[in-house]
Amino acid sequence: MIGDLRRFAPAAARNREAILEVLRRHLPPRGLVLEIASGSGEHALHFAQNLGPGIVFQPTDAEADARASIDAWAASAPNVREALALDASAQPWPVAAADAVVCINMIHIAPWAATLGLMKGAASVLEAGAPLILYGPFRRDGAHTAPSNAAFDQDLRDRNPAWGVRDLEAVAAVAAENGFGPPAVEPMPANNLSVIFRRLADNH
């Protein structure tokens, strides 16, 4: 198709059903879901179509080409908003409030500053009890969960020394510093994890 701006991410097609089941269990029945680093936009469209009209997705990405792809995918989806420019590490975010934040396969393909910004930004938009849901590979107790993850981690670091599979404990510590409780961790296919944090009530 001439002029088709849609990108295709093979991993999105492979993992979308497994992630959808996690979202069904942890998202509220209604509300605004802010997706950080939406990439091609295939996930946002699939989730919005399957979670029902009560859930509205607000996709974001730092790259203009990715936002064009997101909007092309979601052109016919009434519950997917136009993609916003958002760099997770930059504050403030262009969204004031959300009922959930979702971030899939970002923190290992970004500098650590993106994880710090993700936690700070999510804390700023979520109310007490609202979820921050991460998906991707993680190290646990200082070790990779599979040889394939170790090889992937090395490949990432070869491509960019600021990238790499993160330690779940380090991510959880940053989340705690920003007012989130301890994570619920769900094993996923292909040695990935879903990690669900909940915003704690602010202490006044």
N, C-alpha and C. Protein backbone atom coordinates (compact mmCIF):
# COMPACT_ATOMS: atom_id res chain seq x y z
N MET A 1 0.85 -1.20 0.00
CA MET A 1 0.00 0.00 0.00
C MET A 1 0.89 1.25 0.00
N ILE A 2 0.74 2.07 -1.01
CA ILE A 2 1.56 3.27 -1.12
C ILE A 2 1.18 4.24 0.00
N GLY A 3 2.21 4.76 0.67
CA GLY A 3 1.96 5.73 1.73
C GLY A 3 1.53 5.13 3.05
N ASP A 4 1.59 3.82 3.19
CA ASP A 4 1.23 3.16 4.45
C ASP A 4 2.31 3.44 5.48
N LEU A 5 1.95 4.11 6.55
CA LEU A 5 2.91 4.50 7.57
C LEU A 5 3.05 3.45 8.68
N ARG A 6 2.28 2.39 8.59
CA ARG A 6 2.30 1.38 9.66
C ARG A 6 3.63 0.63 9.70
N ARG A 7 4.16 0.49 10.90
CA ARG A 7 5.30 -0.39 11.13
C ARG A 7 4.78 -1.74 11.61
N PHE A 8 5.58 -2.77 11.38
CA PHE A 8 5.23 -4.11 11.82
C PHE A 8 6.34 -4.64 12.72
N ALA A 9 5.98 -5.01 13.95
CA ALA A 9 6.94 -5.54 14.91
C ALA A 9 6.59 -7.01 15.16
N PRO A 10 7.41 -7.94 14.68
CA PRO A 10 7.09 -9.37 14.85
C PRO A 10 6.85 -9.77 16.30
N ALA A 11 7.60 -9.18 17.22
CA ALA A 11 7.43 -9.53 18.63
C ALA A 11 6.05 -9.14 19.14
N ALA A 12 5.50 -8.05 18.62
CA ALA A 12 4.18 -7.60 19.07
C ALA A 12 3.12 -8.63 18.74
N ALA A 13 3.21 -9.23 17.55
CA ALA A 13 2.25 -10.26 17.17
C ALA A 13 2.41 -11.52 18.02
N ARG A 14 3.65 -11.81 18.40
CA ARG A 14 3.91 -13.03 19.18
C ARG A 14 3.43 -12.90 20.62
N ASN A 15 3.60 -11.74 21.22
CA ASN A 15 3.36 -11.65 22.67
C ASN A 15 2.05 -10.97 23.05
N ARG A 16 1.30 -10.50 22.07
CA ARG A 16 0.15 -9.65 22.40
C ARG A 16 -0.96 -10.39 23.16
N GLU A 17 -1.17 -11.67 22.85
CA GLU A 17 -2.24 -12.40 23.54
C GLU A 17 -1.88 -12.65 24.99
N ALA A 18 -0.63 -13.01 25.24
CA ALA A 18 -0.20 -13.26 26.62
C ALA A 18 -0.27 -11.98 27.45
N ILE A 19 0.15 -10.87 26.86
CA ILE A 19 0.09 -9.59 27.58
C ILE A 19 -1.36 -9.17 27.79
N LEU A 20 -2.20 -9.39 26.80
CA LEU A 20 -3.62 -9.04 26.93
C LEU A 20 -4.24 -9.72 28.14
N GLU A 21 -3.89 -10.97 28.38
CA GLU A 21 -4.46 -11.68 29.52
C GLU A 21 -4.02 -11.06 30.83
N VAL A 22 -2.78 -10.58 30.90
CA VAL A 22 -2.32 -9.87 32.09
C VAL A 22 -3.11 -8.58 32.28
N LEU A 23 -3.30 -7.85 31.20
CA LEU A 23 -4.05 -6.59 31.29
C LEU A 23 -5.48 -6.84 31.73
N ARG A 24 -6.09 -7.89 31.24
CA ARG A 24 -7.47 -8.20 31.65
C ARG A 24 -7.56 -8.35 33.16
N ARG A 25 -6.54 -8.92 33.77
CA ARG A 25 -6.57 -9.16 35.22
C ARG A 25 -6.24 -7.94 36.05
N HIS A 26 -5.46 -7.02 35.49
CA HIS A 26 -4.91 -5.96 36.33
C HIS A 26 -5.39 -4.55 35.99
N LEU A 27 -5.94 -4.34 34.80
CA LEU A 27 -6.45 -3.01 34.48
C LEU A 27 -7.83 -2.81 35.10
N PRO A 28 -8.18 -1.56 35.39
CA PRO A 28 -9.56 -1.30 35.81
C PRO A 28 -10.51 -1.56 34.65
N PRO A 29 -11.81 -1.75 34.93
CA PRO A 29 -12.76 -2.03 33.85
C PRO A 29 -12.99 -0.85 32.92
N ARG A 30 -12.72 0.33 33.44
CA ARG A 30 -12.90 1.54 32.64
C ARG A 30 -11.76 2.50 32.95
N GLY A 31 -11.49 3.41 32.02
CA GLY A 31 -10.52 4.45 32.31
C GLY A 31 -9.50 4.64 31.21
N LEU A 32 -8.57 5.53 31.47
CA LEU A 32 -7.53 5.89 30.50
C LEU A 32 -6.25 5.12 30.81
N VAL A 33 -5.76 4.40 29.82
CA VAL A 33 -4.50 3.67 29.93
C VAL A 33 -3.44 4.43 29.14
N LEU A 34 -2.42 4.89 29.84
CA LEU A 34 -1.32 5.61 29.22
C LEU A 34 -0.23 4.61 28.89
N GLU A 35 0.05 4.45 27.59
CA GLU A 35 1.11 3.54 27.18
C GLU A 35 2.37 4.32 26.85
N ILE A 36 3.46 3.95 27.48
CA ILE A 36 4.75 4.61 27.28
C ILE A 36 5.56 3.80 26.26
N ALA A 37 6.15 4.50 25.30
CA ALA A 37 6.96 3.85 24.26
C ALA A 37 6.14 2.83 23.48
N SER A 38 5.11 3.32 22.82
CA SER A 38 4.14 2.44 22.15
C SER A 38 4.70 1.77 20.89
N GLY A 39 5.82 2.26 20.38
CA GLY A 39 6.45 1.60 19.23
C GLY A 39 5.59 1.66 17.99
N SER A 40 5.35 0.49 17.39
CA SER A 40 4.60 0.44 16.13
C SER A 40 3.14 0.83 16.30
N GLY A 41 2.58 0.62 17.50
CA GLY A 41 1.17 0.89 17.73
C GLY A 41 0.30 -0.35 17.64
N GLU A 42 0.88 -1.48 17.27
CA GLU A 42 0.09 -2.72 17.14
C GLU A 42 -0.48 -3.17 18.48
N HIS A 43 0.29 -3.03 19.54
CA HIS A 43 -0.21 -3.42 20.86
C HIS A 43 -1.40 -2.57 21.27
N ALA A 44 -1.27 -1.26 21.16
CA ALA A 44 -2.35 -0.37 21.60
C ALA A 44 -3.65 -0.71 20.89
N LEU A 45 -3.57 -0.93 19.59
CA LEU A 45 -4.77 -1.25 18.83
C LEU A 45 -5.36 -2.57 19.29
N HIS A 46 -4.53 -3.60 19.40
CA HIS A 46 -5.02 -4.93 19.79
C HIS A 46 -5.66 -4.89 21.17
N PHE A 47 -5.00 -4.24 22.11
CA PHE A 47 -5.54 -4.20 23.47
C PHE A 47 -6.84 -3.41 23.51
N ALA A 48 -6.87 -2.27 22.83
CA ALA A 48 -8.08 -1.44 22.84
C ALA A 48 -9.26 -2.18 22.22
N GLN A 49 -9.01 -2.91 21.16
CA GLN A 49 -10.09 -3.66 20.50
C GLN A 49 -10.63 -4.78 21.38
N ASN A 50 -9.77 -5.35 22.22
CA ASN A 50 -10.17 -6.53 22.99
C ASN A 50 -10.58 -6.24 24.42
N LEU A 51 -10.25 -5.06 24.93
CA LEU A 51 -10.61 -4.72 26.31
C LEU A 51 -11.94 -3.97 26.41
N GLY A 52 -12.49 -3.60 25.28
CA GLY A 52 -13.82 -2.99 25.29
C GLY A 52 -13.78 -1.48 25.30
N PRO A 53 -14.92 -0.86 24.99
CA PRO A 53 -14.98 0.59 24.82
C PRO A 53 -14.77 1.38 26.10
N GLY A 54 -14.89 0.73 27.26
CA GLY A 54 -14.67 1.45 28.51
C GLY A 54 -13.22 1.82 28.76
N ILE A 55 -12.32 1.12 28.08
CA ILE A 55 -10.89 1.40 28.20
C ILE A 55 -10.45 2.25 27.01
N VAL A 56 -9.81 3.37 27.30
CA VAL A 56 -9.28 4.26 26.26
C VAL A 56 -7.76 4.24 26.37
N PHE A 57 -7.09 4.00 25.25
CA PHE A 57 -5.64 3.99 25.23
C PHE A 57 -5.10 5.34 24.76
N GLN A 58 -4.11 5.83 25.50
CA GLN A 58 -3.35 7.01 25.08
C GLN A 58 -1.93 6.55 24.77
N PRO A 59 -1.63 6.26 23.49
CA PRO A 59 -0.29 5.84 23.14
C PRO A 59 0.67 7.03 23.10
N THR A 60 1.94 6.74 23.31
CA THR A 60 2.98 7.77 23.25
C THR A 60 4.25 7.15 22.67
N ASP A 61 5.10 7.98 22.12
CA ASP A 61 6.43 7.55 21.72
C ASP A 61 7.30 8.78 21.52
N ALA A 62 8.58 8.62 21.74
CA ALA A 62 9.51 9.74 21.56
C ALA A 62 9.81 9.99 20.09
N GLU A 63 9.62 8.96 19.23
CA GLU A 63 9.98 9.08 17.82
C GLU A 63 8.78 9.45 16.96
N ALA A 64 8.98 10.41 16.07
CA ALA A 64 7.90 10.86 15.20
C ALA A 64 7.42 9.75 14.26
N ASP A 65 8.35 8.95 13.72
CA ASP A 65 7.95 7.87 12.82
C ASP A 65 7.10 6.83 13.54
N ALA A 66 7.43 6.57 14.79
CA ALA A 66 6.63 5.62 15.57
C ALA A 66 5.23 6.19 15.80
N ARG A 67 5.14 7.48 16.11
CA ARG A 67 3.82 8.08 16.33
C ARG A 67 2.98 8.03 15.05
N ALA A 68 3.60 8.22 13.91
CA ALA A 68 2.88 8.11 12.64
C ALA A 68 2.36 6.70 12.43
N SER A 69 3.16 5.71 12.78
CA SER A 69 2.72 4.31 12.67
C SER A 69 1.57 4.04 13.63
N ILE A 70 1.68 4.50 14.86
CA ILE A 70 0.62 4.31 15.85
C ILE A 70 -0.70 4.86 15.32
N ASP A 71 -0.66 6.09 14.82
CA ASP A 71 -1.88 6.73 14.35
C ASP A 71 -2.45 6.03 13.12
N ALA A 72 -1.56 5.48 12.28
CA ALA A 72 -2.04 4.75 11.11
C ALA A 72 -2.73 3.46 11.52
N TRP A 73 -2.16 2.75 12.47
CA TRP A 73 -2.79 1.52 12.96
C TRP A 73 -4.14 1.82 13.62
N ALA A 74 -4.20 2.90 14.39
CA ALA A 74 -5.38 3.16 15.22
C ALA A 74 -6.41 4.06 14.55
N ALA A 75 -6.26 4.32 13.28
CA ALA A 75 -7.14 5.26 12.59
C ALA A 75 -8.61 4.91 12.73
N SER A 76 -8.93 3.62 12.81
CA SER A 76 -10.33 3.21 12.87
C SER A 76 -10.77 2.79 14.27
N ALA A 77 -9.92 3.03 15.26
CA ALA A 77 -10.23 2.60 16.63
C ALA A 77 -10.71 3.80 17.45
N PRO A 78 -11.99 3.83 17.83
CA PRO A 78 -12.51 4.99 18.55
C PRO A 78 -11.94 5.16 19.95
N ASN A 79 -11.40 4.07 20.54
CA ASN A 79 -10.87 4.17 21.90
C ASN A 79 -9.35 4.18 21.95
N VAL A 80 -8.72 4.61 20.86
CA VAL A 80 -7.28 4.89 20.87
C VAL A 80 -7.08 6.34 20.46
N ARG A 81 -6.49 7.11 21.34
CA ARG A 81 -6.25 8.52 21.06
C ARG A 81 -5.06 8.73 20.15
N GLU A 82 -4.96 9.91 19.60
CA GLU A 82 -3.80 10.26 18.79
C GLU A 82 -2.54 10.18 19.63
N ALA A 83 -1.48 9.61 19.06
CA ALA A 83 -0.24 9.43 19.81
C ALA A 83 0.39 10.76 20.20
N LEU A 84 0.93 10.80 21.41
CA LEU A 84 1.60 11.99 21.93
C LEU A 84 3.10 11.78 21.94
N ALA A 85 3.84 12.87 21.75
CA ALA A 85 5.29 12.84 21.90
C ALA A 85 5.61 12.80 23.39
N LEU A 86 6.32 11.75 23.81
CA LEU A 86 6.67 11.62 25.23
C LEU A 86 8.00 10.89 25.34
N ASP A 87 8.94 11.52 25.99
CA ASP A 87 10.22 10.91 26.36
C ASP A 87 10.10 10.59 27.85
N ALA A 88 10.15 9.30 28.18
CA ALA A 88 9.92 8.89 29.57
C ALA A 88 10.84 9.59 30.55
N SER A 89 12.06 9.92 30.10
CA SER A 89 13.04 10.51 31.02
C SER A 89 12.84 12.00 31.22
N ALA A 90 11.96 12.61 30.43
CA ALA A 90 11.75 14.06 30.51
C ALA A 90 10.47 14.37 31.27
N GLN A 91 10.57 15.28 32.21
CA GLN A 91 9.42 15.70 33.01
C GLN A 91 9.12 17.17 32.72
N PRO A 92 7.85 17.61 32.84
CA PRO A 92 6.67 16.79 33.13
C PRO A 92 6.16 16.09 31.88
N TRP A 93 5.35 15.06 32.09
CA TRP A 93 4.72 14.37 30.98
C TRP A 93 3.56 15.18 30.44
N PRO A 94 3.18 14.97 29.16
CA PRO A 94 2.08 15.73 28.56
C PRO A 94 0.70 15.20 28.89
N VAL A 95 0.60 14.35 29.90
CA VAL A 95 -0.67 13.81 30.37
C VAL A 95 -0.75 14.06 31.86
N ALA A 96 -1.85 14.64 32.33
CA ALA A 96 -1.94 15.01 33.74
C ALA A 96 -2.37 13.87 34.63
N ALA A 97 -3.18 12.94 34.09
CA ALA A 97 -3.72 11.87 34.93
C ALA A 97 -4.05 10.67 34.05
N ALA A 98 -3.93 9.48 34.63
CA ALA A 98 -4.29 8.24 33.95
C ALA A 98 -4.75 7.24 35.00
N ASP A 99 -5.50 6.24 34.54
CA ASP A 99 -5.98 5.20 35.44
C ASP A 99 -5.04 4.00 35.47
N ALA A 100 -4.13 3.94 34.52
CA ALA A 100 -3.10 2.89 34.49
C ALA A 100 -2.00 3.35 33.54
N VAL A 101 -0.80 2.85 33.78
CA VAL A 101 0.33 3.08 32.88
C VAL A 101 0.88 1.72 32.47
N VAL A 102 1.10 1.55 31.16
CA VAL A 102 1.63 0.32 30.61
C VAL A 102 2.91 0.64 29.84
N CYS A 103 3.94 -0.18 30.02
CA CYS A 103 5.22 0.03 29.32
C CYS A 103 5.79 -1.33 28.94
N ILE A 104 5.81 -1.60 27.65
CA ILE A 104 6.19 -2.91 27.13
C ILE A 104 7.53 -2.81 26.40
N ASN A 105 8.48 -3.65 26.82
CA ASN A 105 9.76 -3.76 26.10
C ASN A 105 10.45 -2.41 25.87
N MET A 106 10.52 -1.59 26.92
CA MET A 106 11.24 -0.33 26.79
C MET A 106 12.50 -0.27 27.64
N ILE A 107 12.42 -0.66 28.90
CA ILE A 107 13.47 -0.25 29.82
C ILE A 107 14.82 -0.90 29.52
N HIS A 108 14.84 -2.01 28.79
CA HIS A 108 16.12 -2.62 28.43
C HIS A 108 16.69 -2.03 27.14
N ILE A 109 15.87 -1.32 26.36
CA ILE A 109 16.33 -0.71 25.11
C ILE A 109 16.30 0.81 25.27
N ALA A 110 16.76 1.27 26.41
CA ALA A 110 16.80 2.69 26.74
C ALA A 110 17.80 2.88 27.87
N PRO A 111 18.35 4.07 28.02
CA PRO A 111 19.23 4.32 29.15
C PRO A 111 18.50 4.17 30.49
N TRP A 112 19.23 3.95 31.56
CA TRP A 112 18.64 3.82 32.89
C TRP A 112 17.81 5.05 33.25
N ALA A 113 18.19 6.21 32.71
CA ALA A 113 17.43 7.43 32.99
C ALA A 113 15.98 7.30 32.57
N ALA A 114 15.70 6.47 31.56
CA ALA A 114 14.32 6.26 31.13
C ALA A 114 13.51 5.53 32.19
N THR A 115 14.14 4.57 32.87
CA THR A 115 13.45 3.88 33.96
C THR A 115 13.18 4.83 35.12
N LEU A 116 14.18 5.65 35.45
CA LEU A 116 13.99 6.63 36.53
C LEU A 116 12.83 7.58 36.18
N GLY A 117 12.82 8.04 34.93
CA GLY A 117 11.76 8.95 34.50
C GLY A 117 10.41 8.27 34.44
N LEU A 118 10.40 6.99 34.03
CA LEU A 118 9.15 6.24 33.97
C LEU A 118 8.50 6.17 35.34
N MET A 119 9.28 5.87 36.35
CA MET A 119 8.73 5.76 37.71
C MET A 119 8.24 7.11 38.23
N LYS A 120 9.03 8.14 37.98
CA LYS A 120 8.64 9.47 38.43
C LYS A 120 7.38 9.94 37.71
N GLY A 121 7.36 9.75 36.40
CA GLY A 121 6.20 10.19 35.63
C GLY A 121 4.95 9.41 35.97
N ALA A 122 5.08 8.08 36.10
CA ALA A 122 3.91 7.26 36.44
C ALA A 122 3.35 7.66 37.80
N ALA A 123 4.25 7.93 38.74
CA ALA A 123 3.78 8.35 40.07
C ALA A 123 3.01 9.67 39.99
N SER A 124 3.37 10.51 39.04
CA SER A 124 2.72 11.82 38.94
C SER A 124 1.34 11.75 38.32
N VAL A 125 1.04 10.69 37.56
CA VAL A 125 -0.25 10.63 36.87
C VAL A 125 -1.22 9.62 37.48
N LEU A 126 -0.74 8.74 38.36
CA LEU A 126 -1.59 7.68 38.91
C LEU A 126 -2.08 8.01 40.31
N GLU A 127 -3.32 7.63 40.57
CA GLU A 127 -3.87 7.72 41.92
C GLU A 127 -3.52 6.46 42.71
N ALA A 128 -3.76 6.49 44.01
CA ALA A 128 -3.49 5.34 44.86
C ALA A 128 -4.24 4.11 44.35
N GLY A 129 -3.54 3.00 44.29
CA GLY A 129 -4.14 1.75 43.85
C GLY A 129 -4.04 1.48 42.37
N ALA A 130 -3.71 2.49 41.59
CA ALA A 130 -3.64 2.33 40.13
C ALA A 130 -2.39 1.58 39.73
N PRO A 131 -2.44 0.78 38.65
CA PRO A 131 -1.31 -0.06 38.28
C PRO A 131 -0.35 0.58 37.29
N LEU A 132 0.92 0.24 37.46
CA LEU A 132 1.96 0.45 36.47
C LEU A 132 2.41 -0.94 36.05
N ILE A 133 2.21 -1.28 34.77
CA ILE A 133 2.46 -2.63 34.29
C ILE A 133 3.63 -2.61 33.31
N LEU A 134 4.69 -3.36 33.63
CA LEU A 134 5.86 -3.48 32.78
C LEU A 134 5.91 -4.88 32.19
N TYR A 135 6.50 -4.99 31.01
CA TYR A 135 6.71 -6.29 30.38
C TYR A 135 8.07 -6.29 29.71
N GLY A 136 8.78 -7.42 29.85
CA GLY A 136 10.07 -7.56 29.19
C GLY A 136 10.96 -8.53 29.93
N PRO A 137 12.21 -8.64 29.50
CA PRO A 137 13.17 -9.50 30.21
C PRO A 137 13.76 -8.77 31.42
N PHE A 138 14.01 -9.51 32.47
CA PHE A 138 14.64 -8.96 33.68
C PHE A 138 15.63 -9.97 34.23
N ARG A 139 16.66 -9.46 34.91
CA ARG A 139 17.50 -10.29 35.76
C ARG A 139 16.83 -10.39 37.12
N ARG A 140 17.02 -11.53 37.79
CA ARG A 140 16.46 -11.71 39.14
C ARG A 140 17.57 -12.20 40.05
N ASP A 141 17.69 -11.55 41.21
CA ASP A 141 18.74 -11.90 42.17
C ASP A 141 20.12 -11.87 41.52
N GLY A 142 20.31 -10.90 40.64
CA GLY A 142 21.61 -10.70 40.02
C GLY A 142 21.96 -11.63 38.89
N ALA A 143 21.01 -12.45 38.44
CA ALA A 143 21.31 -13.43 37.40
C ALA A 143 20.24 -13.42 36.32
N HIS A 144 20.64 -13.78 35.12
CA HIS A 144 19.68 -13.92 34.04
C HIS A 144 18.79 -15.14 34.28
N THR A 145 17.57 -15.09 33.77
CA THR A 145 16.63 -16.18 33.97
C THR A 145 16.77 -17.27 32.91
N ALA A 146 17.56 -17.00 31.86
CA ALA A 146 17.76 -18.00 30.80
C ALA A 146 19.00 -17.62 30.00
N PRO A 147 19.71 -18.61 29.42
CA PRO A 147 20.87 -18.30 28.58
C PRO A 147 20.53 -17.36 27.42
N SER A 148 19.34 -17.50 26.86
CA SER A 148 18.95 -16.63 25.75
C SER A 148 18.87 -15.17 26.19
N ASN A 149 18.44 -14.94 27.44
CA ASN A 149 18.39 -13.57 27.95
C ASN A 149 19.79 -13.00 28.16
N ALA A 150 20.72 -13.86 28.58
CA ALA A 150 22.11 -13.41 28.75
C ALA A 150 22.70 -12.99 27.40
N ALA A 151 22.42 -13.78 26.37
CA ALA A 151 22.92 -13.44 25.04
C ALA A 151 22.26 -12.17 24.52
N PHE A 152 20.97 -12.02 24.77
CA PHE A 152 20.25 -10.81 24.37
C PHE A 152 20.82 -9.59 25.07
N ASP A 153 21.10 -9.73 26.36
CA ASP A 153 21.67 -8.63 27.15
C ASP A 153 23.01 -8.20 26.56
N GLN A 154 23.86 -9.17 26.21
CA GLN A 154 25.16 -8.84 25.63
C GLN A 154 25.00 -8.13 24.29
N ASP A 155 24.05 -8.59 23.49
CA ASP A 155 23.79 -7.95 22.20
C ASP A 155 23.35 -6.50 22.39
N LEU A 156 22.47 -6.28 23.37
CA LEU A 156 22.01 -4.91 23.64
C LEU A 156 23.18 -4.01 24.04
N ARG A 157 24.03 -4.50 24.94
CA ARG A 157 25.14 -3.70 25.44
C ARG A 157 26.18 -3.45 24.34
N ASP A 158 26.31 -4.41 23.41
CA ASP A 158 27.20 -4.20 22.27
C ASP A 158 26.67 -3.09 21.37
N ARG A 159 25.36 -3.03 21.23
CA ARG A 159 24.73 -2.01 20.39
C ARG A 159 24.78 -0.63 21.04
N ASN A 160 24.58 -0.62 22.37
CA ASN A 160 24.60 0.64 23.11
C ASN A 160 24.93 0.33 24.56
N PRO A 161 26.08 0.79 25.07
CA PRO A 161 26.48 0.46 26.45
C PRO A 161 25.48 0.93 27.51
N ALA A 162 24.61 1.88 27.15
CA ALA A 162 23.62 2.39 28.11
C ALA A 162 22.38 1.49 28.19
N TRP A 163 22.29 0.51 27.27
CA TRP A 163 21.16 -0.40 27.27
C TRP A 163 21.49 -1.65 28.06
N GLY A 164 20.51 -2.52 28.25
CA GLY A 164 20.75 -3.80 28.88
C GLY A 164 19.56 -4.27 29.70
N VAL A 165 19.49 -5.60 29.89
CA VAL A 165 18.45 -6.18 30.72
C VAL A 165 18.66 -5.73 32.16
N ARG A 166 17.59 -5.22 32.76
CA ARG A 166 17.71 -4.62 34.09
C ARG A 166 17.45 -5.63 35.21
N ASP A 167 18.04 -5.34 36.36
CA ASP A 167 17.76 -6.13 37.55
C ASP A 167 16.39 -5.76 38.09
N LEU A 168 15.54 -6.75 38.26
CA LEU A 168 14.19 -6.49 38.77
C LEU A 168 14.25 -5.80 40.13
N GLU A 169 15.22 -6.20 40.95
CA GLU A 169 15.31 -5.60 42.29
C GLU A 169 15.65 -4.12 42.21
N ALA A 170 16.48 -3.73 41.24
CA ALA A 170 16.82 -2.32 41.07
C ALA A 170 15.62 -1.53 40.58
N VAL A 171 14.86 -2.12 39.67
CA VAL A 171 13.65 -1.45 39.17
C VAL A 171 12.64 -1.29 40.30
N ALA A 172 12.47 -2.35 41.10
CA ALA A 172 11.53 -2.28 42.23
C ALA A 172 11.95 -1.24 43.26
N ALA A 173 13.26 -1.08 43.45
CA ALA A 173 13.74 -0.08 44.41
C ALA A 173 13.42 1.33 43.93
N VAL A 174 13.58 1.59 42.64
CA VAL A 174 13.22 2.91 42.10
C VAL A 174 11.72 3.12 42.21
N ALA A 175 10.94 2.07 41.94
CA ALA A 175 9.49 2.19 42.08
C ALA A 175 9.11 2.55 43.52
N ALA A 176 9.74 1.89 44.48
CA ALA A 176 9.44 2.16 45.89
C ALA A 176 9.78 3.61 46.25
N GLU A 177 10.90 4.09 45.71
CA GLU A 177 11.29 5.48 45.98
C GLU A 177 10.25 6.47 45.46
N ASN A 178 9.48 6.05 44.47
CA ASN A 178 8.48 6.92 43.86
C ASN A 178 7.06 6.61 44.30
N GLY A 179 6.92 5.85 45.39
CA GLY A 179 5.60 5.67 45.97
C GLY A 179 4.82 4.47 45.47
N PHE A 180 5.51 3.46 44.94
CA PHE A 180 4.84 2.23 44.52
C PHE A 180 5.13 1.11 45.50
N GLY A 181 4.18 0.20 45.63
CA GLY A 181 4.37 -0.97 46.48
C GLY A 181 5.23 -2.01 45.80
N PRO A 182 5.50 -3.13 46.48
CA PRO A 182 6.30 -4.20 45.88
C PRO A 182 5.57 -4.81 44.69
N PRO A 183 6.31 -5.32 43.71
CA PRO A 183 5.68 -5.78 42.48
C PRO A 183 5.06 -7.17 42.61
N ALA A 184 3.99 -7.36 41.85
CA ALA A 184 3.52 -8.71 41.54
C ALA A 184 4.21 -9.12 40.24
N VAL A 185 4.77 -10.31 40.22
CA VAL A 185 5.57 -10.77 39.08
C VAL A 185 4.92 -12.00 38.47
N GLU A 186 4.68 -11.95 37.17
CA GLU A 186 4.08 -13.08 36.46
C GLU A 186 5.00 -13.55 35.35
N PRO A 187 5.44 -14.82 35.37
CA PRO A 187 6.25 -15.34 34.28
C PRO A 187 5.47 -15.33 32.97
N MET A 188 6.17 -15.02 31.88
CA MET A 188 5.57 -14.91 30.57
C MET A 188 6.35 -15.79 29.58
N PRO A 189 5.78 -16.03 28.41
CA PRO A 189 6.51 -16.83 27.41
C PRO A 189 7.85 -16.18 27.03
N ALA A 190 8.74 -16.99 26.49
CA ALA A 190 10.04 -16.53 25.97
C ALA A 190 10.89 -15.85 27.03
N ASN A 191 10.77 -16.33 28.29
CA ASN A 191 11.63 -15.86 29.39
C ASN A 191 11.46 -14.37 29.70
N ASN A 192 10.25 -13.86 29.48
CA ASN A 192 9.92 -12.50 29.87
C ASN A 192 9.10 -12.52 31.15
N LEU A 193 8.90 -11.34 31.71
CA LEU A 193 8.08 -11.19 32.91
C LEU A 193 7.10 -10.04 32.72
N SER A 194 5.93 -10.19 33.33
CA SER A 194 5.06 -9.04 33.56
C SER A 194 5.24 -8.63 35.01
N VAL A 195 5.45 -7.34 35.22
CA VAL A 195 5.72 -6.81 36.57
C VAL A 195 4.70 -5.73 36.83
N ILE A 196 3.89 -5.94 37.88
CA ILE A 196 2.78 -5.02 38.16
C ILE A 196 3.03 -4.32 39.48
N PHE A 197 3.20 -3.01 39.41
CA PHE A 197 3.33 -2.17 40.59
C PHE A 197 1.99 -1.46 40.85
N ARG A 198 1.69 -1.19 42.09
CA ARG A 198 0.50 -0.40 42.45
C ARG A 198 0.94 0.85 43.21
N ARG A 199 0.34 1.95 42.83
CA ARG A 199 0.64 3.23 43.49
C ARG A 199 0.11 3.18 44.91
N LEU A 200 0.94 3.56 45.86
CA LEU A 200 0.51 3.65 47.25
C LEU A 200 -0.13 4.99 47.52
N ALA A 201 -0.91 5.05 48.60
CA ALA A 201 -1.50 6.33 48.99
C ALA A 201 -0.39 7.27 49.44
N ASP A 202 -0.51 8.54 49.06
CA ASP A 202 0.47 9.52 49.51
C ASP A 202 0.33 9.75 51.00
N ASN A 203 1.44 9.91 51.66
CA ASN A 203 1.42 10.22 53.09
C ASN A 203 1.45 11.73 53.27
N HIS A 204 0.39 12.24 53.83
CA HIS A 204 0.32 13.68 54.07
C HIS A 204 0.43 13.95 55.57
